[in-house]
Every structure is written in structure tokens, then in C-alpha cells.
Amino acid sequence: MTEQATYSLFAKFYDAYVGDFARDIPLYLSLASNTHLPILEIGCGSGRVLLPLLRARHVVTGVDISEEMLRLAGDKLQKNHLIEKCTLLNHNFTDSALPQEFGLALVTFYTFNYLLSQDHQMAFLTHIAESLKPGSIIVLHLFYPSVLLHPETAGQWIDKGQFLIDGETVVLQDFRRMLDEHTEERVQAFLFKSGHREEIRTLRHYVTQTEIYQLLISAGFVSPVLIEDFKWQCQFPLRPDTETTKEFVVVAQNRIIP
């Protein structure tokens, strides 16, 4: 299945189990309050982060590689009368930068972890740097594979709960394993009461603090810091010789051109 086909299937289930995640929103709103320039969200999905940014009167561009996700986001923004201050773009930053210069780039909810090769990771970050004003900020929310923390769950089907999708109760089951030390395979099975079953398989690359530090510096960013628990006051210099055992947020500044 191609990347686009995977996200086409993924889109209709996305809001069911991701839509209520909100622990990152206060951090993004705090950082957004420091710029008067347009804000860029990369991996905007169906608009989970776009909505609070727009309600706070920011001008935002939401980018995703899935047309289906962008349609969901557009419908949601239209219903909330927020579409006029938001631009939605089907764009892949591994291919090119955007011509507009932004004041803040948010790479939300593990979007970066879906880039499996270092070449794609470097191209992605370099093109974001080219799209940001000098001195602007990039924020990346990065994951830690659960099967590394709980190896006993590797290769097991885990019930993740019930969700209401299009008026029908759907059970989500989750299967994860590490294909190598950095690549997590995840299979999500959606079980309908009718007996219908749909599966989505995705691969995610576990990016260590050492790797993201080196990538950011090489792409032209400076002064990267680690944010714990989405709290700006819990920040530490990102050090290439330390690692974490939980998800983490990295904030770095686009290099200021003399």
C-alpha cells in the first residue's frame, strides 16, 4: 500500500482516537503568542491543532500529505467559521520548501517519525528552515516506541478501546513490534459490529536525541532544547549524549543570517 493510500484509509479513523489529545495545545499557543507572523503546522491532519490556533486569532497554514485529511480539516474549520484565516496545503516538505516565510513551524504528533530515511529527514528539516524567517522557531513532537518501554507487549494484539465512527461502535486493536532498533511496525485493526475489519500498517522511525540534535544543526537550526511534559518551564539544552524513555518535544531556532 502506498503512503497516500495508507493515509486515505487512516483519515476516517483519525479523529476517533486522536481528536481528544490536547496536552500539547497550551505549549503551542504559548509559542504562537511570541510571533505576529503566519504559523505553519506540518502534519495538521483533520485540524486538531489548527482550531485552537485560529481561535486565538493567528493566521495559520496547515500542511498535510493526505488530501482526505485536509478535506476533514476544511469541513471542521468551515463549521467553526474559521476557514478564512487558514490556508490548507497538500505539500510534502521532503520535496520542497514553501515560498512564504513563517514565524513558527509546528511539526505535531509524531509527524517527523514517519520519515524513515536520514535523507528524507534532512530534506524535510532543510526545507522547513528555508520556509521560516531567520530567528524563527521549529517545534517537533517526537515519539518513544512503547514496545521498547514494555517489551512484553511486542507482537501482541492490545485492545485500545471502543470508538464511535459514523454512528457505529468500532473496537480498535493495536499490534506493535520493532523491525530493527529504530523502526517500529504498527498495525491498527478496526473491528466493526457488522463483522467488517480494516487494518492499517504504518512504520515509524524512533529518532533519538542524538539523531535529532545532529539533524537540526546540519539543517541550519541552533540552540535546540528539550521540553518535558509539554511544559515550557521544564526545558533543558538538548544534549547529543543523553536519551529519554518517553515522548519528547524539541524546540530550536532557525539560524539568524548576519
C-alpha atoms as a PDB file:
ATOM      1  CA  MET A   1       0.000   0.000   0.000  1.00  0.00           C
ATOM      2  CA  THR A   2       1.371   3.421  -0.947  1.00  0.00           C
ATOM      3  CA  GLU A   3       1.887   6.182   1.627  1.00  0.00           C
ATOM      4  CA  GLN A   4      -1.021   8.162   0.144  1.00  0.00           C
ATOM      5  CA  ALA A   5      -3.324   5.096   0.178  1.00  0.00           C
ATOM      6  CA  THR A   6      -2.443   4.420   3.817  1.00  0.00           C
ATOM      7  CA  TYR A   7      -3.360   7.944   4.865  1.00  0.00           C
ATOM      8  CA  SER A   8      -6.525   7.839   2.760  1.00  0.00           C
ATOM      9  CA  LEU A   9      -7.707   4.859   4.812  1.00  0.00           C
ATOM     10  CA  PHE A  10      -6.329   6.345   8.041  1.00  0.00           C
ATOM     11  CA  ALA A  11      -8.196   9.653   7.700  1.00  0.00           C
ATOM     12  CA  LYS A  12     -11.660   8.375   8.572  1.00  0.00           C
ATOM     13  CA  PHE A  13     -10.425   6.848  11.842  1.00  0.00           C
ATOM     14  CA  TYR A  14      -8.084   9.666  12.874  1.00  0.00           C
ATOM     15  CA  ASP A  15     -10.452  11.839  14.906  1.00  0.00           C
ATOM     16  CA  ALA A  16     -11.901   8.844  16.732  1.00  0.00           C
ATOM     17  CA  TYR A  17      -8.790   8.224  18.817  1.00  0.00           C
ATOM     18  CA  VAL A  18      -6.554  11.273  18.279  1.00  0.00           C
ATOM     19  CA  GLY A  19      -9.078  14.111  18.307  1.00  0.00           C
ATOM     20  CA  ASP A  20      -9.230  14.401  22.098  1.00  0.00           C
ATOM     21  CA  PHE A  21      -5.448  14.642  22.583  1.00  0.00           C
ATOM     22  CA  ALA A  22      -4.807  18.156  23.892  1.00  0.00           C
ATOM     23  CA  ARG A  23      -1.786  18.077  26.231  1.00  0.00           C
ATOM     24  CA  ASP A  24       0.367  19.818  23.614  1.00  0.00           C
ATOM     25  CA  ILE A  25      -2.028  22.680  22.862  1.00  0.00           C
ATOM     26  CA  PRO A  26      -1.012  25.079  25.708  1.00  0.00           C
ATOM     27  CA  LEU A  27       2.654  24.865  24.639  1.00  0.00           C
ATOM     28  CA  TYR A  28       1.814  25.636  21.015  1.00  0.00           C
ATOM     29  CA  LEU A  29      -0.406  28.554  21.978  1.00  0.00           C
ATOM     30  CA  SER A  30       2.314  29.957  24.242  1.00  0.00           C
ATOM     31  CA  LEU A  31       4.931  29.792  21.479  1.00  0.00           C
ATOM     32  CA  ALA A  32       2.496  31.193  18.919  1.00  0.00           C
ATOM     33  CA  SER A  33       1.892  34.251  21.111  1.00  0.00           C
ATOM     34  CA  ASN A  34       5.525  35.286  20.518  1.00  0.00           C
ATOM     35  CA  THR A  35       5.121  35.880  16.775  1.00  0.00           C
ATOM     36  CA  HIS A  36       2.960  38.119  14.637  1.00  0.00           C
ATOM     37  CA  LEU A  37       3.907  36.205  11.500  1.00  0.00           C
ATOM     38  CA  PRO A  38       1.898  33.357   9.955  1.00  0.00           C
ATOM     39  CA  ILE A  39       2.224  29.974  11.671  1.00  0.00           C
ATOM     40  CA  LEU A  40       2.909  26.698   9.895  1.00  0.00           C
ATOM     41  CA  GLU A  41       1.575  23.357  11.144  1.00  0.00           C
ATOM     42  CA  ILE A  42       3.051  20.341   9.383  1.00  0.00           C
ATOM     43  CA  GLY A  43       1.038  17.136   9.656  1.00  0.00           C
ATOM     44  CA  CYS A  44      -2.118  19.076  10.514  1.00  0.00           C
ATOM     45  CA  GLY A  45      -4.372  16.057   9.984  1.00  0.00           C
ATOM     46  CA  SER A  46      -8.039  16.882  10.499  1.00  0.00           C
ATOM     47  CA  GLY A  47      -7.377  20.172  12.290  1.00  0.00           C
ATOM     48  CA  ARG A  48      -6.882  19.236  15.942  1.00  0.00           C
ATOM     49  CA  VAL A  49      -4.210  21.955  16.491  1.00  0.00           C
ATOM     50  CA  LEU A  50      -5.435  24.341  13.802  1.00  0.00           C
ATOM     51  CA  LEU A  51      -8.688  25.057  15.658  1.00  0.00           C
ATOM     52  CA  PRO A  52      -7.189  26.488  18.901  1.00  0.00           C
ATOM     53  CA  LEU A  53      -4.558  28.455  16.955  1.00  0.00           C
ATOM     54  CA  LEU A  54      -7.231  30.058  14.784  1.00  0.00           C
ATOM     55  CA  ARG A  55      -9.482  30.736  17.773  1.00  0.00           C
ATOM     56  CA  ALA A  56      -6.532  32.614  19.265  1.00  0.00           C
ATOM     57  CA  ARG A  57      -6.608  34.823  16.111  1.00  0.00           C
ATOM     58  CA  HIS A  58      -3.411  33.544  14.494  1.00  0.00           C
ATOM     59  CA  VAL A  59      -3.007  33.263  10.742  1.00  0.00           C
ATOM     60  CA  VAL A  60      -2.163  29.627  10.062  1.00  0.00           C
ATOM     61  CA  THR A  61      -1.173  27.386   7.157  1.00  0.00           C
ATOM     62  CA  GLY A  62      -1.956  23.705   7.692  1.00  0.00           C
ATOM     63  CA  VAL A  63       0.062  21.232   5.624  1.00  0.00           C
ATOM     64  CA  ASP A  64      -0.557  17.527   5.147  1.00  0.00           C
ATOM     65  CA  ILE A  65       0.300  14.918   2.504  1.00  0.00           C
ATOM     66  CA  SER A  66      -3.242  13.491   2.682  1.00  0.00           C
ATOM     67  CA  GLU A  67      -5.999  15.158   0.671  1.00  0.00           C
ATOM     68  CA  GLU A  68      -8.555  13.249   2.766  1.00  0.00           C
ATOM     69  CA  MET A  69      -7.147  14.694   5.989  1.00  0.00           C
ATOM     70  CA  LEU A  70      -7.226  18.188   4.511  1.00  0.00           C
ATOM     71  CA  ARG A  71     -10.852  17.745   3.467  1.00  0.00           C
ATOM     72  CA  LEU A  72     -11.754  16.777   7.031  1.00  0.00           C
ATOM     73  CA  ALA A  73      -9.849  19.800   8.348  1.00  0.00           C
ATOM     74  CA  GLY A  74     -11.559  22.099   5.857  1.00  0.00           C
ATOM     75  CA  ASP A  75     -15.009  20.826   6.836  1.00  0.00           C
ATOM     76  CA  LYS A  76     -14.224  21.286  10.519  1.00  0.00           C
ATOM     77  CA  LEU A  77     -12.875  24.820  10.057  1.00  0.00           C
ATOM     78  CA  GLN A  78     -15.849  25.754   7.880  1.00  0.00           C
ATOM     79  CA  LYS A  79     -18.312  24.565  10.542  1.00  0.00           C
ATOM     80  CA  ASN A  80     -16.471  26.648  13.149  1.00  0.00           C
ATOM     81  CA  HIS A  81     -16.349  29.731  10.880  1.00  0.00           C
ATOM     82  CA  LEU A  82     -12.540  29.782  10.961  1.00  0.00           C
ATOM     83  CA  ILE A  83     -11.637  28.890   7.400  1.00  0.00           C
ATOM     84  CA  GLU A  84     -10.960  32.475   6.301  1.00  0.00           C
ATOM     85  CA  LYS A  85      -7.731  32.765   8.327  1.00  0.00           C
ATOM     86  CA  CYS A  86      -6.374  29.344   7.404  1.00  0.00           C
ATOM     87  CA  THR A  87      -4.671  28.058   4.267  1.00  0.00           C
ATOM     88  CA  LEU A  88      -4.689  24.280   3.756  1.00  0.00           C
ATOM     89  CA  LEU A  89      -1.995  22.825   1.515  1.00  0.00           C
ATOM     90  CA  ASN A  90      -1.274  19.350   0.197  1.00  0.00           C
ATOM     91  CA  HIS A  91       2.517  19.562   0.400  1.00  0.00           C
ATOM     92  CA  ASN A  92       5.453  17.312   1.259  1.00  0.00           C
ATOM     93  CA  PHE A  93       8.438  19.059   2.834  1.00  0.00           C
ATOM     94  CA  THR A  94      10.749  16.255   1.776  1.00  0.00           C
ATOM     95  CA  ASP A  95      10.275  17.602  -1.777  1.00  0.00           C
ATOM     96  CA  SER A  96      10.466  21.391  -1.415  1.00  0.00           C
ATOM     97  CA  ALA A  97      10.087  24.450   0.786  1.00  0.00           C
ATOM     98  CA  LEU A  98       7.165  26.859   0.758  1.00  0.00           C
ATOM     99  CA  PRO A  99       7.689  30.372  -0.630  1.00  0.00           C
ATOM    100  CA  GLN A 100       6.090  32.176   2.313  1.00  0.00           C
ATOM    101  CA  GLU A 101       8.269  32.939   5.321  1.00  0.00           C
ATOM    102  CA  PHE A 102       6.684  31.831   8.581  1.00  0.00           C
ATOM    103  CA  GLY A 103       7.346  32.828  12.186  1.00  0.00           C
ATOM    104  CA  LEU A 104       6.779  29.395  13.741  1.00  0.00           C
ATOM    105  CA  ALA A 105       6.722  25.817  12.439  1.00  0.00           C
ATOM    106  CA  LEU A 106       4.924  23.112  14.430  1.00  0.00           C
ATOM    107  CA  VAL A 107       5.684  19.501  13.475  1.00  0.00           C
ATOM    108  CA  THR A 108       2.973  17.897  15.557  1.00  0.00           C
ATOM    109  CA  PHE A 109       2.020  14.478  16.917  1.00  0.00           C
ATOM    110  CA  TYR A 110       4.897  12.304  15.689  1.00  0.00           C
ATOM    111  CA  THR A 111       4.733  13.542  12.077  1.00  0.00           C
ATOM    112  CA  PHE A 112       8.534  13.554  11.870  1.00  0.00           C
ATOM    113  CA  ASN A 113       8.715   9.906  12.983  1.00  0.00           C
ATOM    114  CA  TYR A 114       7.037   8.756   9.764  1.00  0.00           C
ATOM    115  CA  LEU A 115      10.172   9.790   7.847  1.00  0.00           C
ATOM    116  CA  LEU A 116      12.182   6.582   7.688  1.00  0.00           C
ATOM    117  CA  SER A 117      15.399   7.630   5.956  1.00  0.00           C
ATOM    118  CA  GLN A 118      18.003  10.157   7.021  1.00  0.00           C
ATOM    119  CA  ASP A 119      17.911  11.691   3.527  1.00  0.00           C
ATOM    120  CA  HIS A 120      14.191  12.403   3.877  1.00  0.00           C
ATOM    121  CA  GLN A 121      14.659  13.704   7.413  1.00  0.00           C
ATOM    122  CA  MET A 122      17.388  16.117   6.314  1.00  0.00           C
ATOM    123  CA  ALA A 123      15.440  17.310   3.281  1.00  0.00           C
ATOM    124  CA  PHE A 124      12.348  17.817   5.441  1.00  0.00           C
ATOM    125  CA  LEU A 125      14.154  19.947   8.042  1.00  0.00           C
ATOM    126  CA  THR A 126      16.174  21.887   5.482  1.00  0.00           C
ATOM    127  CA  HIS A 127      13.044  22.850   3.546  1.00  0.00           C
ATOM    128  CA  ILE A 128      11.309  23.926   6.749  1.00  0.00           C
ATOM    129  CA  ALA A 129      14.315  26.108   7.607  1.00  0.00           C
ATOM    130  CA  GLU A 130      14.031  27.700   4.155  1.00  0.00           C
ATOM    131  CA  SER A 131      10.355  28.451   4.833  1.00  0.00           C
ATOM    132  CA  LEU A 132      10.996  30.193   8.153  1.00  0.00           C
ATOM    133  CA  LYS A 133      12.165  33.710   8.829  1.00  0.00           C
ATOM    134  CA  PRO A 134      15.662  33.861  10.343  1.00  0.00           C
ATOM    135  CA  GLY A 135      15.384  33.530  14.104  1.00  0.00           C
ATOM    136  CA  SER A 136      12.016  31.770  13.937  1.00  0.00           C
ATOM    137  CA  ILE A 137      11.247  28.598  15.876  1.00  0.00           C
ATOM    138  CA  ILE A 138      10.646  24.977  14.930  1.00  0.00           C
ATOM    139  CA  VAL A 139       8.864  22.596  17.336  1.00  0.00           C
ATOM    140  CA  LEU A 140       8.931  18.807  16.905  1.00  0.00           C
ATOM    141  CA  HIS A 141       6.853  16.341  18.942  1.00  0.00           C
ATOM    142  CA  LEU A 142       8.702  13.009  18.797  1.00  0.00           C
ATOM    143  CA  PHE A 143       7.685   9.561  19.993  1.00  0.00           C
ATOM    144  CA  TYR A 144       9.292   6.810  22.035  1.00  0.00           C
ATOM    145  CA  PRO A 145       8.222   3.299  20.956  1.00  0.00           C
ATOM    146  CA  SER A 146       6.012   1.720  23.600  1.00  0.00           C
ATOM    147  CA  VAL A 147       7.453  -1.737  22.906  1.00  0.00           C
ATOM    148  CA  LEU A 148      10.894  -0.541  23.987  1.00  0.00           C
ATOM    149  CA  LEU A 149       9.431   0.579  27.295  1.00  0.00           C
ATOM    150  CA  HIS A 150       7.194  -2.513  27.591  1.00  0.00           C
ATOM    151  CA  PRO A 151       8.902  -5.299  25.594  1.00  0.00           C
ATOM    152  CA  GLU A 152       6.377  -7.861  26.839  1.00  0.00           C
ATOM    153  CA  THR A 153       3.751  -6.231  24.560  1.00  0.00           C
ATOM    154  CA  ALA A 154       5.792  -6.705  21.376  1.00  0.00           C
ATOM    155  CA  GLY A 155       3.991  -8.923  18.869  1.00  0.00           C
ATOM    156  CA  GLN A 156       0.772  -8.910  20.913  1.00  0.00           C
ATOM    157  CA  TRP A 157      -2.660  -7.571  19.970  1.00  0.00           C
ATOM    158  CA  ILE A 158      -3.670  -4.952  22.554  1.00  0.00           C
ATOM    159  CA  ASP A 159      -7.227  -3.634  22.952  1.00  0.00           C
ATOM    160  CA  LYS A 160      -7.213   0.167  22.718  1.00  0.00           C
ATOM    161  CA  GLY A 161     -10.890   0.778  23.392  1.00  0.00           C
ATOM    162  CA  GLN A 162     -14.133   1.455  21.565  1.00  0.00           C
ATOM    163  CA  PHE A 163     -14.833   4.461  19.365  1.00  0.00           C
ATOM    164  CA  LEU A 164     -17.874   5.822  17.583  1.00  0.00           C
ATOM    165  CA  ILE A 165     -17.230   6.183  13.856  1.00  0.00           C
ATOM    166  CA  ASP A 166     -20.033   7.251  11.503  1.00  0.00           C
ATOM    167  CA  GLY A 167     -22.568   6.265  14.146  1.00  0.00           C
ATOM    168  CA  GLU A 168     -21.167   2.751  14.579  1.00  0.00           C
ATOM    169  CA  THR A 169     -19.191   1.426  17.547  1.00  0.00           C
ATOM    170  CA  VAL A 170     -15.762   0.252  16.430  1.00  0.00           C
ATOM    171  CA  VAL A 171     -13.195  -1.663  18.500  1.00  0.00           C
ATOM    172  CA  LEU A 172      -9.546  -0.709  17.976  1.00  0.00           C
ATOM    173  CA  GLN A 173      -6.798  -3.269  18.430  1.00  0.00           C
ATOM    174  CA  ASP A 174      -3.129  -2.430  18.181  1.00  0.00           C
ATOM    175  CA  PHE A 175      -0.130  -4.626  17.258  1.00  0.00           C
ATOM    176  CA  ARG A 176       3.434  -3.347  17.556  1.00  0.00           C
ATOM    177  CA  ARG A 177       6.943  -4.713  17.187  1.00  0.00           C
ATOM    178  CA  MET A 178      10.419  -3.375  16.408  1.00  0.00           C
ATOM    179  CA  LEU A 179      11.728  -4.419  12.996  1.00  0.00           C
ATOM    180  CA  ASP A 180      15.163  -3.118  13.988  1.00  0.00           C
ATOM    181  CA  GLU A 181      16.494  -0.863  16.748  1.00  0.00           C
ATOM    182  CA  HIS A 182      14.904   2.229  15.198  1.00  0.00           C
ATOM    183  CA  THR A 183      11.885   1.052  13.162  1.00  0.00           C
ATOM    184  CA  GLU A 184       8.532   0.332  14.775  1.00  0.00           C
ATOM    185  CA  GLU A 185       5.860  -1.569  12.855  1.00  0.00           C
ATOM    186  CA  ARG A 186       2.327  -0.749  13.972  1.00  0.00           C
ATOM    187  CA  VAL A 187      -0.821  -2.486  12.749  1.00  0.00           C
ATOM    188  CA  GLN A 188      -4.147  -0.986  13.791  1.00  0.00           C
ATOM    189  CA  ALA A 189      -7.221  -3.197  13.362  1.00  0.00           C
ATOM    190  CA  PHE A 190     -10.661  -1.563  13.377  1.00  0.00           C
ATOM    191  CA  LEU A 191     -13.384  -4.122  14.140  1.00  0.00           C
ATOM    192  CA  PHE A 192     -16.965  -3.176  13.238  1.00  0.00           C
ATOM    193  CA  LYS A 193     -20.022  -4.783  14.848  1.00  0.00           C
ATOM    194  CA  SER A 194     -21.083  -5.883  11.380  1.00  0.00           C
ATOM    195  CA  GLY A 195     -18.001  -8.125  11.300  1.00  0.00           C
ATOM    196  CA  HIS A 196     -16.153  -5.864   8.884  1.00  0.00           C
ATOM    197  CA  ARG A 197     -12.461  -5.407   9.694  1.00  0.00           C
ATOM    198  CA  GLU A 198     -10.000  -2.843   8.378  1.00  0.00           C
ATOM    199  CA  GLU A 199      -6.269  -2.796   9.067  1.00  0.00           C
ATOM    200  CA  ILE A 200      -3.716  -0.028   8.684  1.00  0.00           C
ATOM    201  CA  ARG A 201       0.009  -0.767   8.776  1.00  0.00           C
ATOM    202  CA  THR A 202       2.493   2.030   9.373  1.00  0.00           C
ATOM    203  CA  LEU A 203       6.208   2.258  10.062  1.00  0.00           C
ATOM    204  CA  ARG A 204       7.716   4.878  12.362  1.00  0.00           C
ATOM    205  CA  HIS A 205      11.359   5.714  12.937  1.00  0.00           C
ATOM    206  CA  TYR A 206      12.453   6.229  16.526  1.00  0.00           C
ATOM    207  CA  VAL A 207      14.625   9.352  16.402  1.00  0.00           C
ATOM    208  CA  THR A 208      16.967   9.583  19.367  1.00  0.00           C
ATOM    209  CA  GLN A 209      18.046  12.848  20.960  1.00  0.00           C
ATOM    210  CA  THR A 210      21.468  12.336  19.415  1.00  0.00           C
ATOM    211  CA  GLU A 211      19.984  11.969  15.930  1.00  0.00           C
ATOM    212  CA  ILE A 212      17.610  14.935  16.134  1.00  0.00           C
ATOM    213  CA  TYR A 213      20.364  17.154  17.541  1.00  0.00           C
ATOM    214  CA  GLN A 214      22.670  16.346  14.631  1.00  0.00           C
ATOM    215  CA  LEU A 215      19.873  16.699  12.053  1.00  0.00           C
ATOM    216  CA  LEU A 216      18.741  20.075  13.351  1.00  0.00           C
ATOM    217  CA  ILE A 217      22.260  21.518  13.460  1.00  0.00           C
ATOM    218  CA  SER A 218      23.003  20.207   9.950  1.00  0.00           C
ATOM    219  CA  ALA A 219      19.752  21.739   8.633  1.00  0.00           C
ATOM    220  CA  GLY A 220      20.696  25.183   9.943  1.00  0.00           C
ATOM    221  CA  PHE A 221      18.942  25.323  13.310  1.00  0.00           C
ATOM    222  CA  VAL A 222      20.648  26.414  16.525  1.00  0.00           C
ATOM    223  CA  SER A 223      20.173  26.217  20.300  1.00  0.00           C
ATOM    224  CA  PRO A 224      17.939  23.122  20.424  1.00  0.00           C
ATOM    225  CA  VAL A 225      16.230  22.488  23.757  1.00  0.00           C
ATOM    226  CA  LEU A 226      14.300  19.524  25.145  1.00  0.00           C
ATOM    227  CA  ILE A 227      10.829  20.193  26.568  1.00  0.00           C
ATOM    228  CA  GLU A 228       9.437  17.670  29.041  1.00  0.00           C
ATOM    229  CA  ASP A 229       5.709  17.036  29.518  1.00  0.00           C
ATOM    230  CA  PHE A 230       4.858  19.926  27.138  1.00  0.00           C
ATOM    231  CA  LYS A 231       5.822  22.439  29.834  1.00  0.00           C
ATOM    232  CA  TRP A 232       7.945  25.361  28.661  1.00  0.00           C
ATOM    233  CA  GLN A 233       9.361  25.783  32.170  1.00  0.00           C
ATOM    234  CA  CYS A 234      10.670  22.187  32.013  1.00  0.00           C
ATOM    235  CA  GLN A 235      13.284  22.769  29.332  1.00  0.00           C
ATOM    236  CA  PHE A 236      16.887  21.649  29.110  1.00  0.00           C
ATOM    237  CA  PRO A 237      19.597  22.041  26.473  1.00  0.00           C
ATOM    238  CA  LEU A 238      19.312  19.152  24.038  1.00  0.00           C
ATOM    239  CA  ARG A 239      22.463  17.124  24.548  1.00  0.00           C
ATOM    240  CA  PRO A 240      23.594  14.579  21.949  1.00  0.00           C
ATOM    241  CA  ASP A 241      24.958  12.268  24.643  1.00  0.00           C
ATOM    242  CA  THR A 242      21.688  11.696  26.549  1.00  0.00           C
ATOM    243  CA  GLU A 243      18.500   9.798  25.767  1.00  0.00           C
ATOM    244  CA  THR A 244      14.944   9.578  27.046  1.00  0.00           C
ATOM    245  CA  THR A 245      12.463   6.786  27.655  1.00  0.00           C
ATOM    246  CA  LYS A 246       9.318   8.739  26.801  1.00  0.00           C
ATOM    247  CA  GLU A 247       7.947  11.020  24.115  1.00  0.00           C
ATOM    248  CA  PHE A 248       9.618  14.405  23.966  1.00  0.00           C
ATOM    249  CA  VAL A 249       9.407  17.830  22.341  1.00  0.00           C
ATOM    250  CA  VAL A 250      12.358  19.626  20.777  1.00  0.00           C
ATOM    251  CA  VAL A 251      12.427  23.368  20.090  1.00  0.00           C
ATOM    252  CA  ALA A 252      15.163  25.015  18.011  1.00  0.00           C
ATOM    253  CA  GLN A 253      15.785  28.397  16.407  1.00  0.00           C
ATOM    254  CA  ASN A 254      16.318  28.982  12.712  1.00  0.00           C
ATOM    255  CA  ARG A 255      19.782  30.430  12.209  1.00  0.00           C
ATOM    256  CA  ILE A 256      19.891  34.228  12.122  1.00  0.00           C
ATOM    257  CA  ILE A 257      21.619  35.465   8.973  1.00  0.00           C
ATOM    258  CA  PRO A 258      24.073  38.314   9.780  1.00  0.00           C
END
